[in-house]
Amino acid sequence: MFYVLVHMSLNRRPTHVSSPTHWLDRAEKARDAAEGMTDPVLKKMMLDVVVGYERLAKRAEERTLNLKPQSK
C-alpha cells in the first residue's frame, strides 16, 4: 500500500507545470524584461531564457496531446 501511494504521488505533475500557458506566460515576461535591457550580453541571455520557456511550452503541449516529446 505504501509503495502504491508513493508511486502515485511521484507520477503526478503539478498542473501549472504541465500547462503550455504557464510556460508561455513566463516567456512573455522574460521577453518584456529583455526589451528593457541595454546590456547586449544580458539581453541575449534573457532571450535564451525565452527560447527555453517556449521549448517547455511546446513539450507541455505535446504531453497534453499525448504525443512523445521530440528531442532537439
Protein backbone atom coordinates (compact mmCIF):
# COMPACT_ATOMS: atom_id res chain seq x y z
CA MET A 1 0.00 0.00 0.00
CA PHE A 2 2.78 2.46 0.91
CA TYR A 3 4.55 1.76 -2.41
CA VAL A 4 1.37 2.49 -4.36
CA LEU A 5 0.85 5.84 -2.61
CA VAL A 6 4.46 6.89 -3.09
CA HIS A 7 4.45 5.76 -6.72
CA MET A 8 1.23 7.68 -7.41
CA SER A 9 2.50 10.85 -5.78
CA LEU A 10 5.77 10.74 -7.71
CA ASN A 11 3.97 10.37 -11.03
CA ARG A 12 1.69 13.39 -10.60
CA ARG A 13 2.86 16.64 -12.13
CA PRO A 14 1.66 19.92 -10.73
CA THR A 15 -0.96 21.32 -13.09
CA HIS A 16 0.78 24.63 -13.72
CA VAL A 17 3.99 22.92 -14.86
CA SER A 18 2.05 20.77 -17.32
CA SER A 19 0.29 23.76 -18.81
CA PRO A 20 1.67 25.30 -22.02
CA THR A 21 0.08 28.59 -20.93
CA HIS A 22 2.23 28.66 -17.79
CA TRP A 23 5.44 28.50 -19.83
CA LEU A 24 4.22 30.92 -22.50
CA ASP A 25 3.34 33.45 -19.77
CA ARG A 26 6.84 33.10 -18.34
CA ALA A 27 8.34 33.52 -21.82
CA GLU A 28 6.34 36.71 -22.34
CA LYS A 29 7.52 38.16 -19.01
CA ALA A 30 11.13 37.26 -19.80
CA ARG A 31 10.79 38.82 -23.27
CA ASP A 32 9.41 42.01 -21.70
CA ALA A 33 12.37 42.08 -19.31
CA ALA A 34 14.81 41.59 -22.21
CA GLU A 35 13.29 44.51 -24.11
CA GLY A 36 14.20 46.83 -21.26
CA MET A 37 17.81 45.70 -21.08
CA THR A 38 20.59 47.79 -22.55
CA ASP A 39 23.48 45.39 -21.97
CA PRO A 40 23.63 43.23 -25.13
CA VAL A 41 25.11 40.22 -23.30
CA LEU A 42 22.42 40.23 -20.62
CA LYS A 43 19.73 40.81 -23.24
CA LYS A 44 20.93 37.78 -25.22
CA MET A 45 20.96 35.68 -22.06
CA MET A 46 17.38 36.68 -21.26
CA LEU A 47 16.27 35.92 -24.82
CA ASP A 48 17.86 32.48 -24.43
CA VAL A 49 15.65 32.02 -21.36
CA VAL A 50 12.65 32.94 -23.54
CA VAL A 51 13.60 30.21 -26.02
CA GLY A 52 13.85 27.70 -23.16
CA TYR A 53 10.41 28.64 -21.83
CA GLU A 54 8.94 28.32 -25.32
CA ARG A 55 10.51 24.88 -25.64
CA LEU A 56 8.94 23.87 -22.32
CA ALA A 57 5.57 25.14 -23.56
CA LYS A 58 5.87 23.01 -26.69
CA ARG A 59 6.72 19.93 -24.64
CA ALA A 60 3.81 20.59 -22.29
CA GLU A 61 1.50 20.89 -25.29
CA GLU A 62 2.83 17.62 -26.72
CA ARG A 63 2.20 15.90 -23.39
CA THR A 64 -1.37 17.18 -23.28
CA LEU A 65 -1.89 15.83 -26.79
CA ASN A 66 -0.43 12.53 -25.56
CA LEU A 67 2.43 12.70 -28.04
CA LYS A 68 6.00 11.78 -27.34
CA PRO A 69 8.10 14.97 -26.96
CA GLN A 70 10.52 15.44 -29.82
CA SER A 71 14.11 15.81 -28.78
CA LYS A 72 16.19 18.50 -30.39
